[in-house]
C-alpha atoms as a PDB file:
ATOM      1  CA  MET A   1     -85.593 -46.197 -12.904  1.00  0.00           C
ATOM      2  CA  ARG A   2     -86.601 -43.227 -10.619  1.00  0.00           C
ATOM      3  CA  ARG A   3     -84.993 -42.681  -6.724  1.00  0.00           C
ATOM      4  CA  GLU A   4     -85.832 -39.856  -4.775  1.00  0.00           C
ATOM      5  CA  ALA A   5     -84.367 -39.328  -1.071  1.00  0.00           C
ATOM      6  CA  GLY A   6     -85.493 -36.257   1.039  1.00  0.00           C
ATOM      7  CA  GLY A   7     -87.932 -34.985  -2.095  1.00  0.00           C
ATOM      8  CA  PHE A   8     -84.391 -34.580  -4.279  1.00  0.00           C
ATOM      9  CA  ILE A   9     -83.833 -35.936  -7.993  1.00  0.00           C
ATOM     10  CA  VAL A  10     -80.330 -36.752  -9.104  1.00  0.00           C
ATOM     11  CA  LEU A  11     -80.030 -36.072 -12.842  1.00  0.00           C
ATOM     12  CA  LEU A  12     -77.921 -38.019 -15.267  1.00  0.00           C
ATOM     13  CA  GLY A  13     -75.130 -35.993 -16.855  1.00  0.00           C
ATOM     14  CA  ARG A  14     -74.433 -36.184 -20.778  1.00  0.00           C
ATOM     15  CA  SER A  15     -72.108 -39.432 -20.475  1.00  0.00           C
ATOM     16  CA  GLY A  16     -74.755 -40.965 -17.992  1.00  0.00           C
ATOM     17  CA  LYS A  17     -73.756 -41.231 -15.362  1.00  0.00           C
ATOM     18  CA  PRO A  18     -74.878 -39.124 -11.955  1.00  0.00           C
ATOM     19  CA  PHE A  19     -73.322 -35.372 -11.640  1.00  0.00           C
ATOM     20  CA  ALA A  20     -71.861 -35.561  -7.688  1.00  0.00           C
ATOM     21  CA  ALA A  21     -74.615 -35.787  -5.328  1.00  0.00           C
ATOM     22  CA  SER A  22     -74.928 -33.623  -3.259  1.00  0.00           C
ATOM     23  CA  HIS A  23     -77.158 -30.620  -2.214  1.00  0.00           C
ATOM     24  CA  ASN A  24     -76.918 -28.908   1.493  1.00  0.00           C
ATOM     25  CA  GLY A  25     -74.767 -31.855   2.118  1.00  0.00           C
ATOM     26  CA  ARG A  26     -77.590 -34.812   1.577  1.00  0.00           C
ATOM     27  CA  LEU A  27     -76.471 -37.478  -0.862  1.00  0.00           C
ATOM     28  CA  MET A  28     -78.388 -38.598  -3.606  1.00  0.00           C
ATOM     29  CA  SER A  29     -78.459 -41.503  -6.087  1.00  0.00           C
ATOM     30  CA  THR A  30     -79.617 -42.352 -10.068  1.00  0.00           C
ATOM     31  CA  GLY A  31     -81.705 -39.600 -12.189  1.00  0.00           C
ATOM     32  CA  VAL A  32     -84.704 -38.129 -14.049  1.00  0.00           C
ATOM     33  CA  ASP A  33     -84.739 -36.600 -17.349  1.00  0.00           C
ATOM     34  CA  ILE A  34     -85.839 -32.618 -17.671  1.00  0.00           C
ATOM     35  CA  GLU A  35     -87.032 -31.278 -20.259  1.00  0.00           C
ATOM     36  CA  ASP A  36     -87.355 -27.927 -20.137  1.00  0.00           C
ATOM     37  CA  PRO A  37     -85.245 -27.431 -16.572  1.00  0.00           C
ATOM     38  CA  LYS A  38     -85.700 -22.979 -17.059  1.00  0.00           C
ATOM     39  CA  GLU A  39     -89.186 -23.900 -17.604  1.00  0.00           C
ATOM     40  CA  LEU A  40     -89.186 -25.715 -13.995  1.00  0.00           C
ATOM     41  CA  VAL A  41     -87.537 -22.531 -12.511  1.00  0.00           C
ATOM     42  CA  ARG A  42     -89.782 -20.189 -13.840  1.00  0.00           C
ATOM     43  CA  ARG A  43     -92.712 -22.020 -12.482  1.00  0.00           C
ATOM     44  CA  GLY A  44     -91.089 -22.261  -8.943  1.00  0.00           C
ATOM     45  CA  TYR A  45     -90.631 -18.684  -8.549  1.00  0.00           C
ATOM     46  CA  ASP A  46     -93.904 -17.805  -9.956  1.00  0.00           C
ATOM     47  CA  ALA A  47     -95.618 -19.955  -7.237  1.00  0.00           C
ATOM     48  CA  LEU A  48     -93.020 -18.882  -4.645  1.00  0.00           C
ATOM     49  CA  SER A  49     -92.189 -15.812  -4.688  1.00  0.00           C
ATOM     50  CA  LEU A  50     -93.122 -14.485  -1.851  1.00  0.00           C
ATOM     51  CA  ARG A  51     -92.543 -17.541   0.271  1.00  0.00           C
ATOM     52  CA  TYR A  52     -88.857 -17.385  -1.160  1.00  0.00           C
ATOM     53  CA  ASP A  53     -88.278 -14.261   0.456  1.00  0.00           C
ATOM     54  CA  GLN A  54     -89.341 -14.585   3.564  1.00  0.00           C
ATOM     55  CA  ALA A  55     -87.710 -18.285   3.765  1.00  0.00           C
ATOM     56  CA  TYR A  56     -84.427 -15.937   2.571  1.00  0.00           C
ATOM     57  CA  GLY A  57     -84.934 -13.055   5.130  1.00  0.00           C
ATOM     58  CA  ALA A  58     -84.937 -10.924   1.930  1.00  0.00           C
ATOM     59  CA  GLU A  59     -84.545  -7.278   3.996  1.00  0.00           C
ATOM     60  CA  THR A  60     -81.559  -7.773   5.532  1.00  0.00           C
ATOM     61  CA  LYS A  61     -79.902 -10.640   3.052  1.00  0.00           C
ATOM     62  CA  TYR A  62     -76.641  -9.492   1.468  1.00  0.00           C
ATOM     63  CA  GLN A  63     -76.355  -5.980   2.944  1.00  0.00           C
ATOM     64  CA  PRO A  64     -72.819  -6.484   3.389  1.00  0.00           C
ATOM     65  CA  TRP A  65     -72.467  -7.472  -0.435  1.00  0.00           C
ATOM     66  CA  ILE A  66     -74.549  -4.678  -1.594  1.00  0.00           C
ATOM     67  CA  SER A  67     -73.322  -1.628   1.083  1.00  0.00           C
ATOM     68  CA  GLU A  68     -68.833  -3.062  -0.025  1.00  0.00           C
ATOM     69  CA  LEU A  69     -70.359  -3.507  -4.202  1.00  0.00           C
ATOM     70  CA  SER A  70     -71.683   0.222  -3.635  1.00  0.00           C
ATOM     71  CA  GLY A  71     -68.394   1.768  -2.696  1.00  0.00           C
ATOM     72  CA  ARG A  72     -66.085   0.256  -4.982  1.00  0.00           C
ATOM     73  CA  ILE A  73     -68.512   1.535  -7.835  1.00  0.00           C
ATOM     74  CA  PRO A  74     -68.767   4.867  -9.091  1.00  0.00           C
ATOM     75  CA  ALA A  75     -71.346   7.204  -8.013  1.00  0.00           C
ATOM     76  CA  GLY A  76     -74.943   6.432  -9.776  1.00  0.00           C
ATOM     77  CA  GLY A  77     -72.752   4.037 -11.577  1.00  0.00           C
ATOM     78  CA  THR A  78     -75.057   1.273 -13.491  1.00  0.00           C
ATOM     79  CA  VAL A  79     -75.475  -2.106 -12.485  1.00  0.00           C
ATOM     80  CA  LEU A  80     -77.223  -5.221 -13.755  1.00  0.00           C
ATOM     81  CA  ASP A  81     -79.021  -7.623 -11.399  1.00  0.00           C
ATOM     82  CA  LEU A  82     -79.120 -11.207 -13.153  1.00  0.00           C
ATOM     83  CA  GLY A  83     -81.519 -13.179 -11.619  1.00  0.00           C
ATOM     84  CA  CYS A  84     -83.039  -9.933  -9.238  1.00  0.00           C
ATOM     85  CA  GLY A  85     -85.543 -11.580  -7.902  1.00  0.00           C
ATOM     86  CA  SER A  86     -88.357  -9.272  -6.464  1.00  0.00           C
ATOM     87  CA  GLY A  87     -85.710  -6.763  -6.231  1.00  0.00           C
ATOM     88  CA  VAL A  88     -85.306  -6.578  -2.486  1.00  0.00           C
ATOM     89  CA  PRO A  89     -82.886  -6.525  -1.487  1.00  0.00           C
ATOM     90  CA  VAL A  90     -80.229  -5.533  -4.087  1.00  0.00           C
ATOM     91  CA  ALA A  91     -82.306  -4.181  -6.719  1.00  0.00           C
ATOM     92  CA  ARG A  92     -83.345  -1.495  -4.299  1.00  0.00           C
ATOM     93  CA  THR A  93     -80.528  -1.243  -1.940  1.00  0.00           C
ATOM     94  CA  LEU A  94     -78.451  -0.139  -5.244  1.00  0.00           C
ATOM     95  CA  ALA A  95     -81.307   2.281  -6.317  1.00  0.00           C
ATOM     96  CA  THR A  96     -81.653   3.691  -3.378  1.00  0.00           C
ATOM     97  CA  VAL A  97     -78.191   5.302  -2.908  1.00  0.00           C
ATOM     98  CA  GLY A  98     -78.163   6.253  -6.562  1.00  0.00           C
ATOM     99  CA  HIS A  99     -77.025   3.544  -8.642  1.00  0.00           C
ATOM    100  CA  ARG A 100     -78.889   3.286 -11.470  1.00  0.00           C
ATOM    101  CA  VAL A 101     -79.756  -0.557 -11.814  1.00  0.00           C
ATOM    102  CA  THR A 102     -81.544  -2.962 -14.680  1.00  0.00           C
ATOM    103  CA  GLY A 103     -82.743  -6.243 -13.653  1.00  0.00           C
ATOM    104  CA  VAL A 104     -83.596  -9.528 -15.245  1.00  0.00           C
ATOM    105  CA  ASP A 105     -85.641 -12.409 -14.464  1.00  0.00           C
ATOM    106  CA  ILE A 106     -86.955 -15.670 -15.718  1.00  0.00           C
ATOM    107  CA  SER A 107     -89.977 -15.338 -13.906  1.00  0.00           C
ATOM    108  CA  GLU A 108     -93.265 -12.636 -14.707  1.00  0.00           C
ATOM    109  CA  VAL A 109     -94.215 -12.703 -10.565  1.00  0.00           C
ATOM    110  CA  GLN A 110     -90.751 -11.915  -9.643  1.00  0.00           C
ATOM    111  CA  ILE A 111     -90.651  -8.791 -12.355  1.00  0.00           C
ATOM    112  CA  ARG A 112     -93.569  -7.657 -12.005  1.00  0.00           C
ATOM    113  CA  ARG A 113     -93.030  -7.476  -7.800  1.00  0.00           C
ATOM    114  CA  ALA A 114     -89.776  -5.808  -8.516  1.00  0.00           C
ATOM    115  CA  ARG A 115     -91.336  -3.329 -10.354  1.00  0.00           C
ATOM    116  CA  GLU A 116     -93.888  -2.780  -7.439  1.00  0.00           C
ATOM    117  CA  LEU A 117     -91.485  -2.415  -4.734  1.00  0.00           C
ATOM    118  CA  VAL A 118     -88.546  -1.150  -6.775  1.00  0.00           C
ATOM    119  CA  PRO A 119     -90.090   1.358  -9.295  1.00  0.00           C
ATOM    120  CA  GLN A 120     -86.914   4.051  -9.611  1.00  0.00           C
ATOM    121  CA  ALA A 121     -85.326   0.808 -11.904  1.00  0.00           C
ATOM    122  CA  GLU A 122     -85.768  -1.023 -14.708  1.00  0.00           C
ATOM    123  CA  PHE A 123     -86.512  -4.627 -14.732  1.00  0.00           C
ATOM    124  CA  ILE A 124     -86.667  -7.022 -17.678  1.00  0.00           C
ATOM    125  CA  ARG A 125     -88.610 -10.252 -17.931  1.00  0.00           C
ATOM    126  CA  ALA A 126     -86.285 -12.620 -19.974  1.00  0.00           C
ATOM    127  CA  ASP A 127     -84.118 -15.827 -19.940  1.00  0.00           C
ATOM    128  CA  ALA A 128     -80.446 -14.584 -18.481  1.00  0.00           C
ATOM    129  CA  THR A 129     -78.550 -16.178 -21.026  1.00  0.00           C
ATOM    130  CA  ALA A 130     -80.891 -14.487 -23.792  1.00  0.00           C
ATOM    131  CA  VAL A 131     -80.575 -10.534 -22.961  1.00  0.00           C
ATOM    132  CA  ASP A 132     -78.469  -8.550 -24.730  1.00  0.00           C
ATOM    133  CA  PHE A 133     -76.481  -5.520 -23.800  1.00  0.00           C
ATOM    134  CA  GLY A 134     -74.354  -3.303 -25.325  1.00  0.00           C
ATOM    135  CA  PRO A 135     -69.952  -3.358 -24.709  1.00  0.00           C
ATOM    136  CA  ALA A 136     -68.958  -1.761 -21.646  1.00  0.00           C
ATOM    137  CA  SER A 137     -72.496  -0.668 -20.739  1.00  0.00           C
ATOM    138  CA  PHE A 138     -72.304  -1.155 -16.708  1.00  0.00           C
ATOM    139  CA  ASP A 139     -70.002  -0.769 -13.918  1.00  0.00           C
ATOM    140  CA  ALA A 140     -70.570  -4.224 -12.107  1.00  0.00           C
ATOM    141  CA  VAL A 141     -73.019  -7.439 -12.565  1.00  0.00           C
ATOM    142  CA  VAL A 142     -74.361  -8.763  -9.747  1.00  0.00           C
ATOM    143  CA  SER A 143     -76.025 -12.502 -10.247  1.00  0.00           C
ATOM    144  CA  PHE A 144     -76.854 -14.064  -6.369  1.00  0.00           C
ATOM    145  CA  TYR A 145     -77.921 -17.736  -6.215  1.00  0.00           C
ATOM    146  CA  ALA A 146     -79.218 -17.317 -10.386  1.00  0.00           C
ATOM    147  CA  LEU A 147     -76.365 -18.789 -12.508  1.00  0.00           C
ATOM    148  CA  ILE A 148     -76.701 -22.088 -10.261  1.00  0.00           C
ATOM    149  CA  HIS A 149     -80.692 -22.555 -11.902  1.00  0.00           C
ATOM    150  CA  ILE A 150     -78.632 -22.261 -15.574  1.00  0.00           C
ATOM    151  CA  PRO A 151     -77.565 -25.108 -17.568  1.00  0.00           C
ATOM    152  CA  LEU A 152     -74.072 -25.934 -17.096  1.00  0.00           C
ATOM    153  CA  GLU A 153     -73.165 -25.802 -21.155  1.00  0.00           C
ATOM    154  CA  GLU A 154     -74.860 -21.853 -20.845  1.00  0.00           C
ATOM    155  CA  GLN A 155     -72.849 -20.574 -17.881  1.00  0.00           C
ATOM    156  CA  LEU A 156     -69.154 -19.948 -19.708  1.00  0.00           C
ATOM    157  CA  PRO A 157     -71.006 -18.427 -22.495  1.00  0.00           C
ATOM    158  CA  LEU A 158     -73.375 -16.083 -19.911  1.00  0.00           C
ATOM    159  CA  LEU A 159     -70.230 -15.392 -18.174  1.00  0.00           C
ATOM    160  CA  GLN A 160     -68.640 -14.093 -21.307  1.00  0.00           C
ATOM    161  CA  LYS A 161     -71.129 -12.050 -22.276  1.00  0.00           C
ATOM    162  CA  VAL A 162     -71.026 -10.389 -18.746  1.00  0.00           C
ATOM    163  CA  ALA A 163     -67.523  -9.298 -19.321  1.00  0.00           C
ATOM    164  CA  GLY A 164     -68.402  -7.674 -22.518  1.00  0.00           C
ATOM    165  CA  TRP A 165     -71.237  -6.048 -20.531  1.00  0.00           C
ATOM    166  CA  LEU A 166     -68.897  -4.645 -18.211  1.00  0.00           C
ATOM    167  CA  ARG A 167     -66.551  -1.346 -18.356  1.00  0.00           C
ATOM    168  CA  PRO A 168     -62.841  -1.846 -18.288  1.00  0.00           C
ATOM    169  CA  GLY A 169     -62.106  -2.257 -14.510  1.00  0.00           C
ATOM    170  CA  GLY A 170     -65.926  -3.439 -13.695  1.00  0.00           C
ATOM    171  CA  TRP A 171     -66.994  -5.363 -11.078  1.00  0.00           C
ATOM    172  CA  PHE A 172     -68.704  -8.981 -11.606  1.00  0.00           C
ATOM    173  CA  LEU A 173     -69.975 -10.156  -8.186  1.00  0.00           C
ATOM    174  CA  GLY A 174     -71.684 -13.698  -8.009  1.00  0.00           C
ATOM    175  CA  THR A 175     -72.456 -16.582  -6.078  1.00  0.00           C
ATOM    176  CA  THR A 176     -71.748 -20.406  -7.915  1.00  0.00           C
ATOM    177  CA  GLY A 177     -71.586 -23.605  -6.752  1.00  0.00           C
ATOM    178  CA  HIS A 178     -69.139 -24.718  -4.235  1.00  0.00           C
ATOM    179  CA  ARG A 179     -69.102 -28.670  -5.200  1.00  0.00           C
ATOM    180  CA  ALA A 180     -70.270 -29.890  -8.298  1.00  0.00           C
ATOM    181  CA  TRP A 181     -74.121 -31.011  -8.330  1.00  0.00           C
ATOM    182  CA  THR A 182     -77.086 -31.093 -10.824  1.00  0.00           C
ATOM    183  CA  GLY A 183     -81.136 -31.657  -9.578  1.00  0.00           C
ATOM    184  CA  VAL A 184     -84.458 -31.185  -8.251  1.00  0.00           C
ATOM    185  CA  ASP A 185     -86.152 -30.622  -5.229  1.00  0.00           C
ATOM    186  CA  GLU A 186     -89.716 -31.777  -5.655  1.00  0.00           C
ATOM    187  CA  ASP A 187     -91.492 -29.508  -2.858  1.00  0.00           C
ATOM    188  CA  TRP A 188     -89.348 -26.542  -2.426  1.00  0.00           C
ATOM    189  CA  LEU A 189     -89.665 -24.780  -0.018  1.00  0.00           C
ATOM    190  CA  ALA A 190     -92.408 -27.180   1.118  1.00  0.00           C
ATOM    191  CA  GLY A 191     -94.473 -25.096  -1.078  1.00  0.00           C
ATOM    192  CA  GLY A 192     -95.955 -27.672  -2.963  1.00  0.00           C
ATOM    193  CA  THR A 193     -93.521 -27.048  -6.251  1.00  0.00           C
ATOM    194  CA  ALA A 194     -90.337 -28.103  -7.791  1.00  0.00           C
ATOM    195  CA  MET A 195     -87.401 -26.420  -8.273  1.00  0.00           C
ATOM    196  CA  TRP A 196     -84.028 -27.753 -10.334  1.00  0.00           C
ATOM    197  CA  TRP A 197     -80.205 -26.620  -9.794  1.00  0.00           C
ATOM    198  CA  SER A 198     -77.062 -27.222 -11.685  1.00  0.00           C
ATOM    199  CA  HIS A 199     -73.740 -26.102 -10.957  1.00  0.00           C
ATOM    200  CA  ALA A 200     -70.131 -27.022 -11.017  1.00  0.00           C
ATOM    201  CA  ASP A 201     -67.457 -27.078  -8.204  1.00  0.00           C
ATOM    202  CA  ALA A 202     -65.993 -24.226  -6.885  1.00  0.00           C
ATOM    203  CA  ALA A 203     -62.455 -24.713  -9.362  1.00  0.00           C
ATOM    204  CA  THR A 204     -64.505 -25.223 -12.004  1.00  0.00           C
ATOM    205  CA  ASN A 205     -66.320 -21.588 -11.723  1.00  0.00           C
ATOM    206  CA  ARG A 206     -63.249 -19.721 -11.254  1.00  0.00           C
ATOM    207  CA  THR A 207     -61.418 -21.697 -13.918  1.00  0.00           C
ATOM    208  CA  TRP A 208     -64.952 -20.284 -16.114  1.00  0.00           C
ATOM    209  CA  ILE A 209     -64.715 -16.514 -14.785  1.00  0.00           C
ATOM    210  CA  THR A 210     -61.524 -16.357 -15.622  1.00  0.00           C
ATOM    211  CA  GLN A 211     -61.653 -17.637 -19.396  1.00  0.00           C
ATOM    212  CA  ALA A 212     -64.325 -15.082 -19.622  1.00  0.00           C
ATOM    213  CA  GLY A 213     -62.092 -12.153 -19.470  1.00  0.00           C
ATOM    214  CA  LEU A 214     -62.375 -11.757 -15.469  1.00  0.00           C
ATOM    215  CA  MET A 215     -59.955 -11.436 -12.875  1.00  0.00           C
ATOM    216  CA  VAL A 216     -60.827 -13.102  -9.989  1.00  0.00           C
ATOM    217  CA  GLU A 217     -60.280 -10.589  -7.048  1.00  0.00           C
ATOM    218  CA  GLN A 218     -61.772 -12.646  -3.761  1.00  0.00           C
ATOM    219  CA  GLU A 219     -63.109 -15.945  -3.530  1.00  0.00           C
ATOM    220  CA  GLU A 220     -64.791 -17.222  -0.135  1.00  0.00           C
ATOM    221  CA  PHE A 221     -67.082 -19.814   1.019  1.00  0.00           C
ATOM    222  CA  VAL A 222     -70.744 -18.948   1.968  1.00  0.00           C
ATOM    223  CA  PRO A 223     -72.522 -22.089   3.887  1.00  0.00           C
ATOM    224  CA  GLU A 224     -76.180 -23.030   3.869  1.00  0.00           C
ATOM    225  CA  GLY A 225     -77.231 -25.852   5.891  1.00  0.00           C
ATOM    226  CA  GLU A 226     -74.675 -28.847   5.433  1.00  0.00           C
ATOM    227  CA  GLY A 227     -73.504 -27.058   2.414  1.00  0.00           C
ATOM    228  CA  GLY A 228     -72.594 -23.945   0.734  1.00  0.00           C
ATOM    229  CA  HIS A 229     -71.916 -21.443  -1.963  1.00  0.00           C
ATOM    230  CA  ALA A 230     -68.909 -19.826  -3.240  1.00  0.00           C
ATOM    231  CA  LEU A 231     -68.921 -15.897  -3.647  1.00  0.00           C
ATOM    232  CA  PHE A 232     -66.616 -14.451  -6.799  1.00  0.00           C
ATOM    233  CA  TRP A 233     -65.556 -10.640  -6.559  1.00  0.00           C
ATOM    234  CA  ALA A 234     -64.005 -10.596 -10.237  1.00  0.00           C
ATOM    235  CA  ARG A 235     -63.121  -7.459 -12.611  1.00  0.00           C
ATOM    236  CA  ARG A 236     -62.907  -6.543 -16.159  1.00  0.00           C
ATOM    237  CA  ARG A 237     -59.551  -6.798 -17.444  1.00  0.00           C
END
C-alpha cells in the first residue's frame, strides 16, 4: 500500500516499520521500496543542479562556516569537499584563499559545473562511499548536506574513512540529520524530479562520529523550514 503526503513518501526500515517520519516538520506514514536510492539522488542533482543553487543561495550560503574553517587549518592546506555540488561556495571560497581543494560528487552535471566554476580545484565524479585517498591526506574534510543522501548503514563506514584521510588534528566539518527520517520528495524543488534522503538523529550521528575516531568539538542545530539539521565540528585524535 502507498500513501503520500505533501509529495513525500516514507520508506520502511529493515524491520518493516517506518523510520521516524519527519521532514521539515511534516509527518508521513507507510512506505515504498526504492531499488537504488543513490541513483535517485544522482538523477535529481543532474536534473536540478542549477535550480538547487538558485533555491539555496549558492553565492552566500555557508560563508561563516567556511571562513571559520579556513582560519583553523594551515595556509595552503588540503581540503576534501565530499558532496561538493557545483563547487560553489565551498571549493571556490577555499581555493580562492589558497587552499588545495578536492571535490567529490555523485552527479555528473554537478562535477561538470564545478570544473567550470572552480578551475583551480580538482573534482572527481564518484560515489563518496566508494572513493578512496591515502592516510592523512587532508587537513580538513567538509561535507554539507551530503551524508543525508547516503544509506544509513554506509554512513559510519564513510565517517571511519574520513577519519583515516585526516591528518592528526585535522578537522571534519559536516551536517547531518537532526531527527531520524528516511523518505522521498517526488517533486523536489517543484522541478518534476524526485529526491531521496536518509538520516539518523543528532545523538546517533554524534556517536558515529566518535566511533569513527573523531572528537566532537562543537555541535549546533541549523534550522531549515519547520525542521533542521545538526552541524558538527570534529577533530582527528
